[in-house]
């Protein structure tokens, strides 16, 4: 399963869970699924773009639920801490830059998706 706020990822992977929220919202949704027993399949801080710079984030998690995976929980909690520590600077991007961020996020998730 993919949790995303990227409409391009949602279009390419119709079974993904799309939410028009910020990156913090995606991290929280991933954390909630991990608490239900999902496991991370992609790192929430993948790529070289800081999580506060790109408005798009997609994270792959296992669809099968098992016992709580403490390693996945630690990784998502650490990612949320990193995001909180970054500056609250608000970036304003034009549509061409937003399109680039969507493509970058899509390329990252393609690397972990079947």
PDB file of N, CA and C in Angstrom:
ATOM      1  N   UNK A   1       0.855  -1.174   0.000  1.00  0.00           N
ATOM      2  CA  UNK A   1       0.000   0.000   0.000  1.00  0.00           C
ATOM      3  C   UNK A   1       0.900   1.236   0.000  1.00  0.00           C
ATOM      4  N   UNK A   2       0.454   2.265  -0.696  1.00  0.00           N
ATOM      5  CA  UNK A   2       1.167   3.532  -0.738  1.00  0.00           C
ATOM      6  C   UNK A   2       0.272   4.597  -0.117  1.00  0.00           C
ATOM      7  N   UNK A   3       0.832   5.345   0.806  1.00  0.00           N
ATOM      8  CA  UNK A   3       0.142   6.499   1.380  1.00  0.00           C
ATOM      9  C   UNK A   3       0.801   7.720   0.774  1.00  0.00           C
ATOM     10  N   UNK A   4       0.003   8.584   0.161  1.00  0.00           N
ATOM     11  CA  UNK A   4       0.565   9.681  -0.619  1.00  0.00           C
ATOM     12  C   UNK A   4      -0.305  10.933  -0.587  1.00  0.00           C
ATOM     13  N   UNK A   5       0.339  12.055  -0.820  1.00  0.00           N
ATOM     14  CA  UNK A   5      -0.375  13.302  -1.078  1.00  0.00           C
ATOM     15  C   UNK A   5      -0.045  13.807  -2.486  1.00  0.00           C
ATOM     16  N   UNK A   6       0.522  12.924  -3.290  1.00  0.00           N
ATOM     17  CA  UNK A   6       0.928  13.249  -4.650  1.00  0.00           C
ATOM     18  C   UNK A   6      -0.130  12.714  -5.622  1.00  0.00           C
ATOM     19  N   UNK A   7      -0.834  13.604  -6.305  1.00  0.00           N
ATOM     20  CA  UNK A   7      -1.879  13.138  -7.229  1.00  0.00           C
ATOM     21  C   UNK A   7      -1.335  12.284  -8.377  1.00  0.00           C
ATOM     22  N   UNK A   8      -0.088  12.498  -8.772  1.00  0.00           N
ATOM     23  CA  UNK A   8       0.509  11.679  -9.837  1.00  0.00           C
ATOM     24  C   UNK A   8       0.720  10.241  -9.370  1.00  0.00           C
ATOM     25  N   UNK A   9       1.132  10.073  -8.121  1.00  0.00           N
ATOM     26  CA  UNK A   9       1.296   8.726  -7.561  1.00  0.00           C
ATOM     27  C   UNK A   9      -0.075   8.058  -7.441  1.00  0.00           C
ATOM     28  N   UNK A  10      -1.056   8.807  -6.964  1.00  0.00           N
ATOM     29  CA  UNK A  10      -2.411   8.261  -6.821  1.00  0.00           C
ATOM     30  C   UNK A  10      -2.966   7.830  -8.174  1.00  0.00           C
ATOM     31  N   UNK A  11      -2.656   8.574  -9.224  1.00  0.00           N
ATOM     32  CA  UNK A  11      -3.139   8.221 -10.557  1.00  0.00           C
ATOM     33  C   UNK A  11      -2.449   6.965 -11.081  1.00  0.00           C
ATOM     34  N   UNK A  12      -1.158   6.818 -10.803  1.00  0.00           N
ATOM     35  CA  UNK A  12      -0.419   5.661 -11.297  1.00  0.00           C
ATOM     36  C   UNK A  12      -0.716   4.404 -10.472  1.00  0.00           C
ATOM     37  N   UNK A  13      -1.008   4.589  -9.203  1.00  0.00           N
ATOM     38  CA  UNK A  13      -1.290   3.473  -8.302  1.00  0.00           C
ATOM     39  C   UNK A  13      -2.681   3.666  -7.704  1.00  0.00           C
ATOM     40  N   UNK A  14      -3.711   3.238  -8.413  1.00  0.00           N
ATOM     41  CA  UNK A  14      -5.092   3.493  -7.979  1.00  0.00           C
ATOM     42  C   UNK A  14      -5.432   2.902  -6.607  1.00  0.00           C
ATOM     43  N   UNK A  15      -4.683   1.902  -6.162  1.00  0.00           N
ATOM     44  CA  UNK A  15      -4.946   1.315  -4.849  1.00  0.00           C
ATOM     45  C   UNK A  15      -4.270   2.089  -3.714  1.00  0.00           C
ATOM     46  N   UNK A  16      -3.550   3.151  -4.065  1.00  0.00           N
ATOM     47  CA  UNK A  16      -2.886   3.942  -3.032  1.00  0.00           C
ATOM     48  C   UNK A  16      -3.923   4.706  -2.215  1.00  0.00           C
ATOM     49  N   UNK A  17      -3.503   5.136  -1.065  1.00  0.00           N
ATOM     50  CA  UNK A  17      -4.384   5.940  -0.216  1.00  0.00           C
ATOM     51  C   UNK A  17      -3.939   7.390  -0.336  1.00  0.00           C
ATOM     52  N   UNK A  18      -4.741   8.185  -1.025  1.00  0.00           N
ATOM     53  CA  UNK A  18      -4.420   9.585  -1.302  1.00  0.00           C
ATOM     54  C   UNK A  18      -5.094  10.489  -0.282  1.00  0.00           C
ATOM     55  N   UNK A  19      -4.338  11.486   0.169  1.00  0.00           N
ATOM     56  CA  UNK A  19      -4.884  12.504   1.049  1.00  0.00           C
ATOM     57  C   UNK A  19      -4.269  13.843   0.662  1.00  0.00           C
ATOM     58  N   UNK A  20      -5.095  14.849   0.498  1.00  0.00           N
ATOM     59  CA  UNK A  20      -4.613  16.187   0.144  1.00  0.00           C
ATOM     60  C   UNK A  20      -4.158  16.901   1.417  1.00  0.00           C
ATOM     61  N   UNK A  21      -3.062  16.406   1.993  1.00  0.00           N
ATOM     62  CA  UNK A  21      -2.543  16.977   3.223  1.00  0.00           C
ATOM     63  C   UNK A  21      -1.066  17.318   3.032  1.00  0.00           C
ATOM     64  N   UNK A  22      -0.436  17.822   4.071  1.00  0.00           N
ATOM     65  CA  UNK A  22       0.993  18.121   3.992  1.00  0.00           C
ATOM     66  C   UNK A  22       1.809  16.874   4.343  1.00  0.00           C
ATOM     67  N   UNK A  23       3.122  17.013   4.321  1.00  0.00           N
ATOM     68  CA  UNK A  23       4.003  15.879   4.585  1.00  0.00           C
ATOM     69  C   UNK A  23       3.796  15.364   6.010  1.00  0.00           C
ATOM     70  N   UNK A  24       3.594  16.260   6.964  1.00  0.00           N
ATOM     71  CA  UNK A  24       3.335  15.841   8.338  1.00  0.00           C
ATOM     72  C   UNK A  24       2.107  14.926   8.395  1.00  0.00           C
ATOM     73  N   UNK A  25       1.071  15.266   7.651  1.00  0.00           N
ATOM     74  CA  UNK A  25      -0.129  14.436   7.603  1.00  0.00           C
ATOM     75  C   UNK A  25       0.146  13.055   7.041  1.00  0.00           C
ATOM     76  N   UNK A  26       1.011  12.977   6.036  1.00  0.00           N
ATOM     77  CA  UNK A  26       1.381  11.676   5.472  1.00  0.00           C
ATOM     78  C   UNK A  26       2.137  10.855   6.510  1.00  0.00           C
ATOM     79  N   UNK A  27       3.096  11.480   7.190  1.00  0.00           N
ATOM     80  CA  UNK A  27       3.850  10.772   8.224  1.00  0.00           C
ATOM     81  C   UNK A  27       2.926  10.273   9.330  1.00  0.00           C
ATOM     82  N   UNK A  28       1.965  11.084   9.718  1.00  0.00           N
ATOM     83  CA  UNK A  28       1.023  10.661  10.760  1.00  0.00           C
ATOM     84  C   UNK A  28       0.169   9.490  10.301  1.00  0.00           C
ATOM     85  N   UNK A  29      -0.273   9.526   9.046  1.00  0.00           N
ATOM     86  CA  UNK A  29      -1.074   8.415   8.508  1.00  0.00           C
ATOM     87  C   UNK A  29      -0.248   7.129   8.460  1.00  0.00           C
ATOM     88  N   UNK A  30       1.015   7.250   8.078  1.00  0.00           N
ATOM     89  CA  UNK A  30       1.907   6.085   8.047  1.00  0.00           C
ATOM     90  C   UNK A  30       2.100   5.554   9.461  1.00  0.00           C
ATOM     91  N   UNK A  31       2.353   6.437  10.408  1.00  0.00           N
ATOM     92  CA  UNK A  31       2.522   6.012  11.802  1.00  0.00           C
ATOM     93  C   UNK A  31       1.283   5.275  12.315  1.00  0.00           C
ATOM     94  N   UNK A  32       0.111   5.802  11.971  1.00  0.00           N
ATOM     95  CA  UNK A  32      -1.127   5.155  12.409  1.00  0.00           C
ATOM     96  C   UNK A  32      -1.245   3.747  11.848  1.00  0.00           C
ATOM     97  N   UNK A  33      -0.861   3.551  10.593  1.00  0.00           N
ATOM     98  CA  UNK A  33      -0.911   2.221   9.986  1.00  0.00           C
ATOM     99  C   UNK A  33       0.121   1.282  10.612  1.00  0.00           C
ATOM    100  N   UNK A  34       1.271   1.821  10.979  1.00  0.00           N
ATOM    101  CA  UNK A  34       2.287   1.003  11.641  1.00  0.00           C
ATOM    102  C   UNK A  34       1.763   0.530  12.993  1.00  0.00           C
ATOM    103  N   UNK A  35       1.061   1.398  13.694  1.00  0.00           N
ATOM    104  CA  UNK A  35       0.468   0.998  14.973  1.00  0.00           C
ATOM    105  C   UNK A  35      -0.547  -0.131  14.787  1.00  0.00           C
ATOM    106  N   UNK A  36      -1.139  -0.214  13.600  1.00  0.00           N
ATOM    107  CA  UNK A  36      -2.091  -1.291  13.304  1.00  0.00           C
ATOM    108  C   UNK A  36      -1.383  -2.560  12.832  1.00  0.00           C
ATOM    109  N   UNK A  37      -0.059  -2.481  12.646  1.00  0.00           N
ATOM    110  CA  UNK A  37       0.694  -3.673  12.262  1.00  0.00           C
ATOM    111  C   UNK A  37       1.352  -3.617  10.904  1.00  0.00           C
ATOM    112  N   UNK A  38       1.231  -2.505  10.178  1.00  0.00           N
ATOM    113  CA  UNK A  38       1.913  -2.393   8.885  1.00  0.00           C
ATOM    114  C   UNK A  38       3.413  -2.236   9.116  1.00  0.00           C
ATOM    115  N   UNK A  39       4.178  -2.465   8.059  1.00  0.00           N
ATOM    116  CA  UNK A  39       5.633  -2.354   8.105  1.00  0.00           C
ATOM    117  C   UNK A  39       6.068  -1.420   6.991  1.00  0.00           C
ATOM    118  N   UNK A  40       7.073  -0.600   7.248  1.00  0.00           N
ATOM    119  CA  UNK A  40       7.593   0.288   6.206  1.00  0.00           C
ATOM    120  C   UNK A  40       8.268  -0.518   5.111  1.00  0.00           C
ATOM    121  N   UNK A  41       7.986  -0.160   3.865  1.00  0.00           N
ATOM    122  CA  UNK A  41       8.664  -0.749   2.715  1.00  0.00           C
ATOM    123  C   UNK A  41       9.554   0.268   2.023  1.00  0.00           C
ATOM    124  N   UNK A  42       9.327   1.548   2.308  1.00  0.00           N
ATOM    125  CA  UNK A  42      10.199   2.610   1.806  1.00  0.00           C
ATOM    126  C   UNK A  42      10.498   3.549   2.966  1.00  0.00           C
ATOM    127  N   UNK A  43      11.633   4.205   2.894  1.00  0.00           N
ATOM    128  CA  UNK A  43      12.018   5.113   3.969  1.00  0.00           C
ATOM    129  C   UNK A  43      11.290   6.439   3.788  1.00  0.00           C
ATOM    130  N   UNK A  44      10.720   6.984   4.864  1.00  0.00           N
ATOM    131  CA  UNK A  44       9.979   8.245   4.731  1.00  0.00           C
ATOM    132  C   UNK A  44      10.859   9.446   4.401  1.00  0.00           C
ATOM    133  N   UNK A  45      12.171   9.334   4.574  1.00  0.00           N
ATOM    134  CA  UNK A  45      13.078  10.432   4.242  1.00  0.00           C
ATOM    135  C   UNK A  45      13.929  10.119   3.021  1.00  0.00           C
ATOM    136  N   UNK A  46      13.401   9.302   2.125  1.00  0.00           N
ATOM    137  CA  UNK A  46      14.155   8.936   0.927  1.00  0.00           C
ATOM    138  C   UNK A  46      14.378  10.154   0.039  1.00  0.00           C
ATOM    139  N   UNK A  47      15.463  10.118  -0.693  1.00  0.00           N
ATOM    140  CA  UNK A  47      15.779  11.203  -1.613  1.00  0.00           C
ATOM    141  C   UNK A  47      16.623  12.270  -0.954  1.00  0.00           C
ATOM    142  N   UNK A  48      17.073  13.197  -1.739  1.00  0.00           N
ATOM    143  CA  UNK A  48      17.960  14.243  -1.229  1.00  0.00           C
ATOM    144  C   UNK A  48      17.227  15.539  -0.917  1.00  0.00           C
ATOM    145  N   UNK A  49      15.931  15.561  -1.090  1.00  0.00           N
ATOM    146  CA  UNK A  49      15.141  16.764  -0.815  1.00  0.00           C
ATOM    147  C   UNK A  49      14.636  16.690   0.625  1.00  0.00           C
ATOM    148  N   UNK A  50      14.860  17.744   1.376  1.00  0.00           N
ATOM    149  CA  UNK A  50      14.402  17.775   2.764  1.00  0.00           C
ATOM    150  C   UNK A  50      12.874  17.706   2.789  1.00  0.00           C
ATOM    151  N   UNK A  51      12.321  17.049   3.810  1.00  0.00           N
ATOM    152  CA  UNK A  51      10.863  16.865   3.834  1.00  0.00           C
ATOM    153  C   UNK A  51      10.074  18.158   3.979  1.00  0.00           C
ATOM    154  N   UNK A  52      10.703  19.231   4.402  1.00  0.00           N
ATOM    155  CA  UNK A  52       9.989  20.506   4.492  1.00  0.00           C
ATOM    156  C   UNK A  52      10.075  21.309   3.197  1.00  0.00           C
ATOM    157  N   UNK A  53      10.883  20.850   2.250  1.00  0.00           N
ATOM    158  CA  UNK A  53      11.049  21.580   0.990  1.00  0.00           C
ATOM    159  C   UNK A  53      10.091  21.109  -0.092  1.00  0.00           C
ATOM    160  N   UNK A  54       9.768  19.835  -0.102  1.00  0.00           N
ATOM    161  CA  UNK A  54       8.848  19.309  -1.100  1.00  0.00           C
ATOM    162  C   UNK A  54       7.462  19.165  -0.487  1.00  0.00           C
ATOM    163  N   UNK A  55       6.444  19.603  -1.190  1.00  0.00           N
ATOM    164  CA  UNK A  55       5.090  19.449  -0.658  1.00  0.00           C
ATOM    165  C   UNK A  55       4.531  18.039  -0.854  1.00  0.00           C
ATOM    166  N   UNK A  56       5.263  17.161  -1.554  1.00  0.00           N
ATOM    167  CA  UNK A  56       4.753  15.823  -1.861  1.00  0.00           C
ATOM    168  C   UNK A  56       5.591  14.743  -1.193  1.00  0.00           C
ATOM    169  N   UNK A  57       4.895  13.728  -0.684  1.00  0.00           N
ATOM    170  CA  UNK A  57       5.581  12.588  -0.080  1.00  0.00           C
ATOM    171  C   UNK A  57       4.710  11.355  -0.251  1.00  0.00           C
ATOM    172  N   UNK A  58       5.357  10.288  -0.665  1.00  0.00           N
ATOM    173  CA  UNK A  58       4.699   8.987  -0.783  1.00  0.00           C
ATOM    174  C   UNK A  58       5.533   7.980  -0.013  1.00  0.00           C
ATOM    175  N   UNK A  59       4.859   7.138   0.757  1.00  0.00           N
ATOM    176  CA  UNK A  59       5.540   6.128   1.554  1.00  0.00           C
ATOM    177  C   UNK A  59       4.845   4.793   1.313  1.00  0.00           C
ATOM    178  N   UNK A  60       5.642   3.774   1.008  1.00  0.00           N
ATOM    179  CA  UNK A  60       5.101   2.430   0.800  1.00  0.00           C
ATOM    180  C   UNK A  60       5.161   1.662   2.115  1.00  0.00           C
ATOM    181  N   UNK A  61       4.059   1.009   2.423  1.00  0.00           N
ATOM    182  CA  UNK A  61       3.983   0.171   3.617  1.00  0.00           C
ATOM    183  C   UNK A  61       3.376  -1.169   3.235  1.00  0.00           C
ATOM    184  N   UNK A  62       3.586  -2.148   4.092  1.00  0.00           N
ATOM    185  CA  UNK A  62       2.997  -3.455   3.823  1.00  0.00           C
ATOM    186  C   UNK A  62       1.482  -3.374   4.012  1.00  0.00           C
ATOM    187  N   UNK A  63       0.770  -4.105   3.198  1.00  0.00           N
ATOM    188  CA  UNK A  63      -0.688  -4.132   3.317  1.00  0.00           C
ATOM    189  C   UNK A  63      -1.140  -5.161   4.337  1.00  0.00           C
ATOM    190  N   UNK A  64      -0.304  -6.142   4.604  1.00  0.00           N
ATOM    191  CA  UNK A  64      -0.645  -7.180   5.568  1.00  0.00           C
ATOM    192  C   UNK A  64      -0.308  -6.693   6.965  1.00  0.00           C
ATOM    193  N   UNK A  65      -1.203  -6.976   7.864  1.00  0.00           N
ATOM    194  CA  UNK A  65      -1.012  -6.537   9.239  1.00  0.00           C
ATOM    195  C   UNK A  65      -0.514  -7.681  10.097  1.00  0.00           C
ATOM    196  N   UNK A  66       0.445  -7.368  10.920  1.00  0.00           N
ATOM    197  CA  UNK A  66       1.036  -8.346  11.837  1.00  0.00           C
ATOM    198  C   UNK A  66       1.214  -7.649  13.183  1.00  0.00           C
ATOM    199  N   UNK A  67       2.134  -8.143  13.952  1.00  0.00           N
ATOM    200  CA  UNK A  67       2.443  -7.486  15.216  1.00  0.00           C
ATOM    201  C   UNK A  67       3.139  -6.157  14.950  1.00  0.00           C
ATOM    202  N   UNK A  68       3.136  -5.279  15.934  1.00  0.00           N
ATOM    203  CA  UNK A  68       3.778  -3.974  15.806  1.00  0.00           C
ATOM    204  C   UNK A  68       5.256  -4.156  15.479  1.00  0.00           C
ATOM    205  N   UNK A  69       5.686  -3.526  14.382  1.00  0.00           N
ATOM    206  CA  UNK A  69       7.091  -3.561  13.972  1.00  0.00           C
ATOM    207  C   UNK A  69       7.772  -2.337  14.570  1.00  0.00           C
ATOM    208  N   UNK A  70       8.534  -2.554  15.640  1.00  0.00           N
ATOM    209  CA  UNK A  70       9.142  -1.445  16.356  1.00  0.00           C
ATOM    210  C   UNK A  70      10.179  -0.702  15.523  1.00  0.00           C
ATOM    211  N   UNK A  71      10.846  -1.381  14.614  1.00  0.00           N
ATOM    212  CA  UNK A  71      11.828  -0.711  13.739  1.00  0.00           C
ATOM    213  C   UNK A  71      11.116   0.277  12.821  1.00  0.00           C
ATOM    214  N   UNK A  72      10.006  -0.134  12.221  1.00  0.00           N
ATOM    215  CA  UNK A  72       9.235   0.784  11.365  1.00  0.00           C
ATOM    216  C   UNK A  72       8.725   1.968  12.175  1.00  0.00           C
ATOM    217  N   UNK A  73       8.259   1.683  13.386  1.00  0.00           N
ATOM    218  CA  UNK A  73       7.755   2.760  14.237  1.00  0.00           C
ATOM    219  C   UNK A  73       8.860   3.753  14.573  1.00  0.00           C
ATOM    220  N   UNK A  74      10.049   3.256  14.889  1.00  0.00           N
ATOM    221  CA  UNK A  74      11.166   4.149  15.204  1.00  0.00           C
ATOM    222  C   UNK A  74      11.542   5.005  14.005  1.00  0.00           C
ATOM    223  N   UNK A  75      11.551   4.417  12.822  1.00  0.00           N
ATOM    224  CA  UNK A  75      11.918   5.162  11.614  1.00  0.00           C
ATOM    225  C   UNK A  75      10.918   6.282  11.346  1.00  0.00           C
ATOM    226  N   UNK A  76       9.621   6.006  11.429  1.00  0.00           N
ATOM    227  CA  UNK A  76       8.634   7.053  11.137  1.00  0.00           C
ATOM    228  C   UNK A  76       8.643   8.115  12.228  1.00  0.00           C
ATOM    229  N   UNK A  77       8.832   7.722  13.468  1.00  0.00           N
ATOM    230  CA  UNK A  77       8.918   8.705  14.550  1.00  0.00           C
ATOM    231  C   UNK A  77      10.145   9.597  14.362  1.00  0.00           C
ATOM    232  N   UNK A  78      11.267   9.011  13.964  1.00  0.00           N
ATOM    233  CA  UNK A  78      12.475   9.801  13.700  1.00  0.00           C
ATOM    234  C   UNK A  78      12.249  10.765  12.533  1.00  0.00           C
ATOM    235  N   UNK A  79      11.545  10.313  11.491  1.00  0.00           N
ATOM    236  CA  UNK A  79      11.251  11.181  10.350  1.00  0.00           C
ATOM    237  C   UNK A  79      10.372  12.358  10.786  1.00  0.00           C
ATOM    238  N   UNK A  80       9.419  12.097  11.669  1.00  0.00           N
ATOM    239  CA  UNK A  80       8.557  13.167  12.162  1.00  0.00           C
ATOM    240  C   UNK A  80       9.365  14.164  12.991  1.00  0.00           C
ATOM    241  N   UNK A  81      10.334  13.678  13.755  1.00  0.00           N
ATOM    242  CA  UNK A  81      11.202  14.562  14.527  1.00  0.00           C
ATOM    243  C   UNK A  81      12.049  15.426  13.610  1.00  0.00           C
ATOM    244  N   UNK A  82      12.607  14.834  12.572  1.00  0.00           N
ATOM    245  CA  UNK A  82      13.398  15.599  11.602  1.00  0.00           C
ATOM    246  C   UNK A  82      12.540  16.699  10.983  1.00  0.00           C
ATOM    247  N   UNK A  83      11.342  16.367  10.581  1.00  0.00           N
ATOM    248  CA  UNK A  83      10.456  17.350   9.960  1.00  0.00           C
ATOM    249  C   UNK A  83      10.158  18.500  10.927  1.00  0.00           C
ATOM    250  N   UNK A  84       9.893  18.189  12.189  1.00  0.00           N
ATOM    251  CA  UNK A  84       9.611  19.228  13.182  1.00  0.00           C
ATOM    252  C   UNK A  84      10.817  20.129  13.419  1.00  0.00           C
ATOM    253  N   UNK A  85      12.019  19.580  13.337  1.00  0.00           N
ATOM    254  CA  UNK A  85      13.241  20.350  13.602  1.00  0.00           C
ATOM    255  C   UNK A  85      13.602  21.302  12.465  1.00  0.00           C
ATOM    256  N   UNK A  86      13.125  21.029  11.285  1.00  0.00           N
ATOM    257  CA  UNK A  86      13.444  21.892  10.145  1.00  0.00           C
ATOM    258  C   UNK A  86      12.681  23.200  10.265  1.00  0.00           C
ATOM    259  N   UNK A  87      13.194  24.188   9.627  1.00  0.00           N
ATOM    260  CA  UNK A  87      12.581  25.510   9.723  1.00  0.00           C
ATOM    261  C   UNK A  87      11.148  25.495   9.225  1.00  0.00           C
ATOM    262  N   UNK A  88      10.405  26.430   9.720  1.00  0.00           N
ATOM    263  CA  UNK A  88       9.011  26.573   9.303  1.00  0.00           C
ATOM    264  C   UNK A  88       8.875  27.488   8.096  1.00  0.00           C
ATOM    265  N   UNK A  89       9.958  27.671   7.369  1.00  0.00           N
ATOM    266  CA  UNK A  89       9.918  28.530   6.191  1.00  0.00           C
ATOM    267  C   UNK A  89       8.875  28.010   5.213  1.00  0.00           C
ATOM    268  N   UNK A  90       8.038  28.897   4.732  1.00  0.00           N
ATOM    269  CA  UNK A  90       6.998  28.527   3.770  1.00  0.00           C
ATOM    270  C   UNK A  90       7.527  28.779   2.361  1.00  0.00           C
ATOM    271  N   UNK A  91       7.578  27.735   1.589  1.00  0.00           N
ATOM    272  CA  UNK A  91       8.037  27.839   0.212  1.00  0.00           C
ATOM    273  C   UNK A  91       6.832  28.060  -0.689  1.00  0.00           C
ATOM    274  N   UNK A  92       7.009  28.937  -1.649  1.00  0.00           N
ATOM    275  CA  UNK A  92       5.966  29.190  -2.639  1.00  0.00           C
ATOM    276  C   UNK A  92       6.545  28.809  -3.997  1.00  0.00           C
ATOM    277  N   UNK A  93       5.923  27.803  -4.613  1.00  0.00           N
ATOM    278  CA  UNK A  93       6.415  27.287  -5.881  1.00  0.00           C
ATOM    279  C   UNK A  93       5.393  27.528  -6.978  1.00  0.00           C
ATOM    280  N   UNK A  94       5.904  27.770  -8.191  1.00  0.00           N
ATOM    281  CA  UNK A  94       4.980  27.850  -9.318  1.00  0.00           C
ATOM    282  C   UNK A  94       4.671  26.430  -9.796  1.00  0.00           C
ATOM    283  N   UNK A  95       3.738  26.295 -10.694  1.00  0.00           N
ATOM    284  CA  UNK A  95       3.257  24.979 -11.117  1.00  0.00           C
ATOM    285  C   UNK A  95       4.349  24.122 -11.737  1.00  0.00           C
ATOM    286  N   UNK A  96       5.302  24.715 -12.446  1.00  0.00           N
ATOM    287  CA  UNK A  96       6.357  23.905 -13.066  1.00  0.00           C
ATOM    288  C   UNK A  96       7.255  23.273 -11.995  1.00  0.00           C
ATOM    289  N   UNK A  97       7.517  23.975 -10.921  1.00  0.00           N
ATOM    290  CA  UNK A  97       8.313  23.427  -9.824  1.00  0.00           C
ATOM    291  C   UNK A  97       7.520  22.336  -9.093  1.00  0.00           C
ATOM    292  N   UNK A  98       6.245  22.585  -8.859  1.00  0.00           N
ATOM    293  CA  UNK A  98       5.401  21.566  -8.226  1.00  0.00           C
ATOM    294  C   UNK A  98       5.364  20.295  -9.069  1.00  0.00           C
ATOM    295  N   UNK A  99       5.282  20.453 -10.385  1.00  0.00           N
ATOM    296  CA  UNK A  99       5.292  19.291 -11.281  1.00  0.00           C
ATOM    297  C   UNK A  99       6.602  18.521 -11.142  1.00  0.00           C
ATOM    298  N   UNK A 100       7.715  19.233 -11.027  1.00  0.00           N
ATOM    299  CA  UNK A 100       9.007  18.572 -10.821  1.00  0.00           C
ATOM    300  C   UNK A 100       9.024  17.781  -9.511  1.00  0.00           C
ATOM    301  N   UNK A 101       8.510  18.366  -8.437  1.00  0.00           N
ATOM    302  CA  UNK A 101       8.450  17.662  -7.151  1.00  0.00           C
ATOM    303  C   UNK A 101       7.569  16.416  -7.240  1.00  0.00           C
ATOM    304  N   UNK A 102       6.465  16.500  -7.988  1.00  0.00           N
ATOM    305  CA  UNK A 102       5.602  15.328  -8.161  1.00  0.00           C
ATOM    306  C   UNK A 102       6.347  14.215  -8.898  1.00  0.00           C
ATOM    307  N   UNK A 103       7.108  14.578  -9.919  1.00  0.00           N
ATOM    308  CA  UNK A 103       7.872  13.594 -10.693  1.00  0.00           C
ATOM    309  C   UNK A 103       8.946  12.949  -9.830  1.00  0.00           C
ATOM    310  N   UNK A 104       9.654  13.736  -9.048  1.00  0.00           N
ATOM    311  CA  UNK A 104      10.704  13.204  -8.174  1.00  0.00           C
ATOM    312  C   UNK A 104      10.107  12.213  -7.182  1.00  0.00           C
ATOM    313  N   UNK A 105       8.996  12.590  -6.552  1.00  0.00           N
ATOM    314  CA  UNK A 105       8.342  11.706  -5.590  1.00  0.00           C
ATOM    315  C   UNK A 105       7.863  10.423  -6.271  1.00  0.00           C
ATOM    316  N   UNK A 106       7.284  10.549  -7.449  1.00  0.00           N
ATOM    317  CA  UNK A 106       6.830   9.388  -8.203  1.00  0.00           C
ATOM    318  C   UNK A 106       7.990   8.460  -8.545  1.00  0.00           C
ATOM    319  N   UNK A 107       9.114   9.017  -8.967  1.00  0.00           N
ATOM    320  CA  UNK A 107      10.278   8.204  -9.280  1.00  0.00           C
ATOM    321  C   UNK A 107      10.781   7.438  -8.061  1.00  0.00           C
ATOM    322  N   UNK A 108      10.769   8.077  -6.899  1.00  0.00           N
ATOM    323  CA  UNK A 108      11.206   7.388  -5.682  1.00  0.00           C
ATOM    324  C   UNK A 108      10.298   6.205  -5.352  1.00  0.00           C
ATOM    325  N   UNK A 109       9.007   6.405  -5.475  1.00  0.00           N
ATOM    326  CA  UNK A 109       8.086   5.329  -5.100  1.00  0.00           C
ATOM    327  C   UNK A 109       8.100   4.213  -6.146  1.00  0.00           C
ATOM    328  N   UNK A 110       8.382   4.517  -7.404  1.00  0.00           N
ATOM    329  CA  UNK A 110       8.490   3.479  -8.438  1.00  0.00           C
ATOM    330  C   UNK A 110       9.598   2.491  -8.095  1.00  0.00           C
ATOM    331  N   UNK A 111      10.622   2.955  -7.397  1.00  0.00           N
ATOM    332  CA  UNK A 111      11.747   2.096  -7.040  1.00  0.00           C
ATOM    333  C   UNK A 111      11.391   1.018  -6.030  1.00  0.00           C
ATOM    334  N   UNK A 112      10.289   1.183  -5.307  1.00  0.00           N
ATOM    335  CA  UNK A 112       9.898   0.179  -4.312  1.00  0.00           C
ATOM    336  C   UNK A 112       8.598  -0.520  -4.657  1.00  0.00           C
ATOM    337  N   UNK A 113       7.925  -0.066  -5.685  1.00  0.00           N
ATOM    338  CA  UNK A 113       6.634  -0.648  -6.069  1.00  0.00           C
ATOM    339  C   UNK A 113       6.818  -1.727  -7.121  1.00  0.00           C
ATOM    340  N   UNK A 114       6.010  -2.792  -7.045  1.00  0.00           N
ATOM    341  CA  UNK A 114       6.121  -3.868  -8.039  1.00  0.00           C
ATOM    342  C   UNK A 114       5.626  -3.448  -9.399  1.00  0.00           C
TER     343      UNK A 114
END
